Amino acid sequence: MYVCLCHGISDKKIRKLAIEEGVQDMRTIRKCTSLGSQCGKCVKQAKEILSETQQALFKEAC
């Protein structure tokens, strides 16, 4: 599903950055993808996806 229509960023891309690249914050997501740099409507949903992914990774580690 597309999260950022302005830049064509999907939820899969956000999860991939968190899981494979170890990205842990929105600042880095924005730097890597330009997410939220135009209309900004995607930022809230992107934060939720990043948080959910981090929680899932934490549960796997325990």
PDB file of N, CA and C in Angstrom:
ATOM      1  N   MET A   1       0.845  -1.159   0.000  1.00  0.00           N
ATOM      2  CA  MET A   1       0.000   0.000   0.000  1.00  0.00           C
ATOM      3  C   MET A   1       0.903   1.239   0.000  1.00  0.00           C
ATOM      4  N   TYR A   2       0.514   2.213  -0.781  1.00  0.00           N
ATOM      5  CA  TYR A   2       1.282   3.453  -0.823  1.00  0.00           C
ATOM      6  C   TYR A   2       0.974   4.303   0.401  1.00  0.00           C
ATOM      7  N   VAL A   3       2.011   4.791   1.028  1.00  0.00           N
ATOM      8  CA  VAL A   3       1.886   5.680   2.178  1.00  0.00           C
ATOM      9  C   VAL A   3       2.036   7.121   1.705  1.00  0.00           C
ATOM     10  N   CYS A   4       3.034   7.354   0.872  1.00  0.00           N
ATOM     11  CA  CYS A   4       3.303   8.691   0.337  1.00  0.00           C
ATOM     12  C   CYS A   4       3.053   8.673  -1.167  1.00  0.00           C
ATOM     13  N   LEU A   5       1.964   9.275  -1.564  1.00  0.00           N
ATOM     14  CA  LEU A   5       1.632   9.325  -2.986  1.00  0.00           C
ATOM     15  C   LEU A   5       2.521  10.311  -3.736  1.00  0.00           C
ATOM     16  N   CYS A   6       2.957  11.346  -3.069  1.00  0.00           N
ATOM     17  CA  CYS A   6       3.788  12.364  -3.720  1.00  0.00           C
ATOM     18  C   CYS A   6       5.114  11.786  -4.214  1.00  0.00           C
ATOM     19  N   HIS A   7       5.673  10.842  -3.438  1.00  0.00           N
ATOM     20  CA  HIS A   7       6.977  10.274  -3.784  1.00  0.00           C
ATOM     21  C   HIS A   7       6.923   8.773  -4.069  1.00  0.00           C
ATOM     22  N   GLY A   8       5.733   8.192  -4.041  1.00  0.00           N
ATOM     23  CA  GLY A   8       5.580   6.774  -4.355  1.00  0.00           C
ATOM     24  C   GLY A   8       6.238   5.848  -3.343  1.00  0.00           C
ATOM     25  N   ILE A   9       6.150   6.184  -2.056  1.00  0.00           N
ATOM     26  CA  ILE A   9       6.758   5.377  -1.001  1.00  0.00           C
ATOM     27  C   ILE A   9       5.700   4.447  -0.411  1.00  0.00           C
ATOM     28  N   SER A  10       6.017   3.162  -0.384  1.00  0.00           N
ATOM     29  CA  SER A  10       5.070   2.168   0.124  1.00  0.00           C
ATOM     30  C   SER A  10       5.399   1.779   1.564  1.00  0.00           C
ATOM     31  N   ASP A  11       4.446   1.100   2.195  1.00  0.00           N
ATOM     32  CA  ASP A  11       4.680   0.579   3.539  1.00  0.00           C
ATOM     33  C   ASP A  11       5.803  -0.448   3.519  1.00  0.00           C
ATOM     34  N   LYS A  12       5.925  -1.187   2.427  1.00  0.00           N
ATOM     35  CA  LYS A  12       7.003  -2.178   2.302  1.00  0.00           C
ATOM     36  C   LYS A  12       8.370  -1.513   2.342  1.00  0.00           C
ATOM     37  N   LYS A  13       8.496  -0.366   1.708  1.00  0.00           N
ATOM     38  CA  LYS A  13       9.763   0.370   1.704  1.00  0.00           C
ATOM     39  C   LYS A  13      10.128   0.817   3.115  1.00  0.00           C
ATOM     40  N   ILE A  14       9.148   1.294   3.867  1.00  0.00           N
ATOM     41  CA  ILE A  14       9.399   1.733   5.243  1.00  0.00           C
ATOM     42  C   ILE A  14       9.818   0.542   6.099  1.00  0.00           C
ATOM     43  N   ARG A  15       9.112  -0.569   5.956  1.00  0.00           N
ATOM     44  CA  ARG A  15       9.461  -1.774   6.721  1.00  0.00           C
ATOM     45  C   ARG A  15      10.847  -2.287   6.340  1.00  0.00           C
ATOM     46  N   LYS A  16      11.155  -2.257   5.047  1.00  0.00           N
ATOM     47  CA  LYS A  16      12.467  -2.710   4.579  1.00  0.00           C
ATOM     48  C   LYS A  16      13.582  -1.851   5.177  1.00  0.00           C
ATOM     49  N   LEU A  17      13.384  -0.550   5.203  1.00  0.00           N
ATOM     50  CA  LEU A  17      14.388   0.333   5.796  1.00  0.00           C
ATOM     51  C   LEU A  17      14.587   0.014   7.275  1.00  0.00           C
ATOM     52  N   ALA A  18      13.497  -0.269   7.980  1.00  0.00           N
ATOM     53  CA  ALA A  18      13.588  -0.573   9.406  1.00  0.00           C
ATOM     54  C   ALA A  18      14.239  -1.930   9.655  1.00  0.00           C
ATOM     55  N   ILE A  19      13.855  -2.931   8.879  1.00  0.00           N
ATOM     56  CA  ILE A  19      14.338  -4.289   9.116  1.00  0.00           C
ATOM     57  C   ILE A  19      15.737  -4.510   8.549  1.00  0.00           C
ATOM     58  N   GLU A  20      15.927  -4.197   7.283  1.00  0.00           N
ATOM     59  CA  GLU A  20      17.190  -4.514   6.613  1.00  0.00           C
ATOM     60  C   GLU A  20      18.278  -3.465   6.814  1.00  0.00           C
ATOM     61  N   GLU A  21      17.875  -2.211   6.922  1.00  0.00           N
ATOM     62  CA  GLU A  21      18.861  -1.135   7.040  1.00  0.00           C
ATOM     63  C   GLU A  21      19.024  -0.642   8.477  1.00  0.00           C
ATOM     64  N   GLY A  22      18.137  -1.077   9.361  1.00  0.00           N
ATOM     65  CA  GLY A  22      18.236  -0.695  10.763  1.00  0.00           C
ATOM     66  C   GLY A  22      17.782   0.723  11.082  1.00  0.00           C
ATOM     67  N   VAL A  23      17.002   1.313  10.192  1.00  0.00           N
ATOM     68  CA  VAL A  23      16.508   2.670  10.419  1.00  0.00           C
ATOM     69  C   VAL A  23      15.559   2.664  11.614  1.00  0.00           C
ATOM     70  N   GLN A  24      15.773   3.602  12.550  1.00  0.00           N
ATOM     71  CA  GLN A  24      14.990   3.607  13.774  1.00  0.00           C
ATOM     72  C   GLN A  24      14.203   4.882  14.016  1.00  0.00           C
ATOM     73  N   ASP A  25      14.317   5.857  13.127  1.00  0.00           N
ATOM     74  CA  ASP A  25      13.596   7.103  13.370  1.00  0.00           C
ATOM     75  C   ASP A  25      13.089   7.717  12.069  1.00  0.00           C
ATOM     76  N   MET A  26      12.108   8.592  12.231  1.00  0.00           N
ATOM     77  CA  MET A  26      11.488   9.235  11.064  1.00  0.00           C
ATOM     78  C   MET A  26      12.447  10.170  10.344  1.00  0.00           C
ATOM     79  N   ARG A  27      13.361  10.769  11.071  1.00  0.00           N
ATOM     80  CA  ARG A  27      14.327  11.670  10.438  1.00  0.00           C
ATOM     81  C   ARG A  27      15.103  10.928   9.346  1.00  0.00           C
ATOM     82  N   THR A  28      15.534   9.721   9.650  1.00  0.00           N
ATOM     83  CA  THR A  28      16.296   8.937   8.679  1.00  0.00           C
ATOM     84  C   THR A  28      15.406   8.468   7.537  1.00  0.00           C
ATOM     85  N   ILE A  29      14.177   8.064   7.855  1.00  0.00           N
ATOM     86  CA  ILE A  29      13.229   7.670   6.805  1.00  0.00           C
ATOM     87  C   ILE A  29      13.031   8.831   5.836  1.00  0.00           C
ATOM     88  N   ARG A  30      12.832  10.012   6.372  1.00  0.00           N
ATOM     89  CA  ARG A  30      12.608  11.194   5.534  1.00  0.00           C
ATOM     90  C   ARG A  30      13.845  11.507   4.696  1.00  0.00           C
ATOM     91  N   LYS A  31      15.011  11.348   5.294  1.00  0.00           N
ATOM     92  CA  LYS A  31      16.260  11.621   4.576  1.00  0.00           C
ATOM     93  C   LYS A  31      16.465  10.630   3.429  1.00  0.00           C
ATOM     94  N   CYS A  32      16.150   9.371   3.673  1.00  0.00           N
ATOM     95  CA  CYS A  32      16.356   8.322   2.662  1.00  0.00           C
ATOM     96  C   CYS A  32      15.320   8.349   1.541  1.00  0.00           C
ATOM     97  N   THR A  33      14.108   8.826   1.833  1.00  0.00           N
ATOM     98  CA  THR A  33      13.017   8.692   0.867  1.00  0.00           C
ATOM     99  C   THR A  33      12.345   9.999   0.459  1.00  0.00           C
ATOM    100  N   SER A  34      12.607  11.081   1.137  1.00  0.00           N
ATOM    101  CA  SER A  34      11.912  12.369   0.938  1.00  0.00           C
ATOM    102  C   SER A  34      10.450  12.308   1.373  1.00  0.00           C
ATOM    103  N   LEU A  35      10.076  11.274   2.102  1.00  0.00           N
ATOM    104  CA  LEU A  35       8.715  11.116   2.599  1.00  0.00           C
ATOM    105  C   LEU A  35       8.324  12.336   3.427  1.00  0.00           C
ATOM    106  N   GLY A  36       7.149  12.864   3.183  1.00  0.00           N
ATOM    107  CA  GLY A  36       6.629  13.981   3.951  1.00  0.00           C
ATOM    108  C   GLY A  36       7.164  15.341   3.557  1.00  0.00           C
ATOM    109  N   SER A  37       7.932  15.408   2.493  1.00  0.00           N
ATOM    110  CA  SER A  37       8.551  16.686   2.124  1.00  0.00           C
ATOM    111  C   SER A  37       7.668  17.560   1.239  1.00  0.00           C
ATOM    112  N   GLN A  38       6.519  17.026   0.810  1.00  0.00           N
ATOM    113  CA  GLN A  38       5.617  17.860   0.010  1.00  0.00           C
ATOM    114  C   GLN A  38       4.373  18.191   0.818  1.00  0.00           C
ATOM    115  N   CYS A  39       3.351  17.382   0.751  1.00  0.00           N
ATOM    116  CA  CYS A  39       2.100  17.729   1.437  1.00  0.00           C
ATOM    117  C   CYS A  39       2.110  17.332   2.912  1.00  0.00           C
ATOM    118  N   GLY A  40       2.881  16.306   3.294  1.00  0.00           N
ATOM    119  CA  GLY A  40       3.003  15.902   4.689  1.00  0.00           C
ATOM    120  C   GLY A  40       1.897  15.024   5.232  1.00  0.00           C
ATOM    121  N   LYS A  41       0.913  14.686   4.416  1.00  0.00           N
ATOM    122  CA  LYS A  41      -0.216  13.882   4.893  1.00  0.00           C
ATOM    123  C   LYS A  41       0.193  12.458   5.274  1.00  0.00           C
ATOM    124  N   CYS A  42       1.327  12.009   4.790  1.00  0.00           N
ATOM    125  CA  CYS A  42       1.767  10.633   4.990  1.00  0.00           C
ATOM    126  C   CYS A  42       2.535  10.415   6.294  1.00  0.00           C
ATOM    127  N   VAL A  43       2.978  11.466   6.930  1.00  0.00           N
ATOM    128  CA  VAL A  43       3.894  11.343   8.060  1.00  0.00           C
ATOM    129  C   VAL A  43       3.290  10.540   9.212  1.00  0.00           C
ATOM    130  N   LYS A  44       2.054  10.802   9.561  1.00  0.00           N
ATOM    131  CA  LYS A  44       1.414  10.089  10.676  1.00  0.00           C
ATOM    132  C   LYS A  44       1.365   8.586  10.405  1.00  0.00           C
ATOM    133  N   GLN A  45       0.942   8.211   9.217  1.00  0.00           N
ATOM    134  CA  GLN A  45       0.848   6.792   8.882  1.00  0.00           C
ATOM    135  C   GLN A  45       2.237   6.151   8.838  1.00  0.00           C
ATOM    136  N   ALA A  46       3.208   6.860   8.321  1.00  0.00           N
ATOM    137  CA  ALA A  46       4.575   6.340   8.264  1.00  0.00           C
ATOM    138  C   ALA A  46       5.121   6.103   9.669  1.00  0.00           C
ATOM    139  N   LYS A  47       4.841   7.009  10.596  1.00  0.00           N
ATOM    140  CA  LYS A  47       5.264   6.841  11.988  1.00  0.00           C
ATOM    141  C   LYS A  47       4.647   5.587  12.588  1.00  0.00           C
ATOM    142  N   GLU A  48       3.366   5.364  12.304  1.00  0.00           N
ATOM    143  CA  GLU A  48       2.677   4.180  12.821  1.00  0.00           C
ATOM    144  C   GLU A  48       3.302   2.902  12.270  1.00  0.00           C
ATOM    145  N   ILE A  49       3.608   2.883  10.986  1.00  0.00           N
ATOM    146  CA  ILE A  49       4.214   1.701  10.363  1.00  0.00           C
ATOM    147  C   ILE A  49       5.595   1.442  10.957  1.00  0.00           C
ATOM    148  N   LEU A  50       6.384   2.482  11.123  1.00  0.00           N
ATOM    149  CA  LEU A  50       7.711   2.335  11.714  1.00  0.00           C
ATOM    150  C   LEU A  50       7.605   1.805  13.140  1.00  0.00           C
ATOM    151  N   SER A  51       6.683   2.341  13.914  1.00  0.00           N
ATOM    152  CA  SER A  51       6.492   1.901  15.293  1.00  0.00           C
ATOM    153  C   SER A  51       6.060   0.437  15.362  1.00  0.00           C
ATOM    154  N   GLU A  52       5.101   0.054  14.527  1.00  0.00           N
ATOM    155  CA  GLU A  52       4.637  -1.339  14.490  1.00  0.00           C
ATOM    156  C   GLU A  52       5.772  -2.282  14.115  1.00  0.00           C
ATOM    157  N   THR A  53       6.581  -1.881  13.158  1.00  0.00           N
ATOM    158  CA  THR A  53       7.699  -2.711  12.715  1.00  0.00           C
ATOM    159  C   THR A  53       8.729  -2.859  13.826  1.00  0.00           C
ATOM    160  N   GLN A  54       9.023  -1.780  14.520  1.00  0.00           N
ATOM    161  CA  GLN A  54       9.979  -1.837  15.621  1.00  0.00           C
ATOM    162  C   GLN A  54       9.466  -2.729  16.746  1.00  0.00           C
ATOM    163  N   GLN A  55       8.176  -2.648  17.044  1.00  0.00           N
ATOM    164  CA  GLN A  55       7.594  -3.499  18.085  1.00  0.00           C
ATOM    165  C   GLN A  55       7.685  -4.967  17.696  1.00  0.00           C
ATOM    166  N   ALA A  56       7.415  -5.274  16.435  1.00  0.00           N
ATOM    167  CA  ALA A  56       7.499  -6.656  15.959  1.00  0.00           C
ATOM    168  C   ALA A  56       8.935  -7.171  16.046  1.00  0.00           C
ATOM    169  N   LEU A  57       9.897  -6.337  15.696  1.00  0.00           N
ATOM    170  CA  LEU A  57      11.302  -6.731  15.784  1.00  0.00           C
ATOM    171  C   LEU A  57      11.708  -6.969  17.231  1.00  0.00           C
ATOM    172  N   PHE A  58      11.213  -6.145  18.134  1.00  0.00           N
ATOM    173  CA  PHE A  58      11.519  -6.298  19.552  1.00  0.00           C
ATOM    174  C   PHE A  58      10.962  -7.618  20.081  1.00  0.00           C
ATOM    175  N   LYS A  59       9.727  -7.940  19.697  1.00  0.00           N
ATOM    176  CA  LYS A  59       9.107  -9.187  20.148  1.00  0.00           C
ATOM    177  C   LYS A  59       9.869 -10.397  19.628  1.00  0.00           C
ATOM    178  N   GLU A  60      10.359 -10.322  18.385  1.00  0.00           N
ATOM    179  CA  GLU A  60      11.138 -11.420  17.813  1.00  0.00           C
ATOM    180  C   GLU A  60      12.445 -11.612  18.564  1.00  0.00           C
ATOM    181  N   ALA A  61      13.037 -10.523  19.019  1.00  0.00           N
ATOM    182  CA  ALA A  61      14.328 -10.585  19.698  1.00  0.00           C
ATOM    183  C   ALA A  61      14.211 -11.169  21.101  1.00  0.00           C
ATOM    184  N   CYS A  62      13.048 -11.050  21.710  1.00  0.00           N
ATOM    185  CA  CYS A  62      12.869 -11.527  23.098  1.00  0.00           C
ATOM    186  C   CYS A  62      12.552 -12.994  23.173  1.00  0.00           C
TER     187      CYS A  62
END
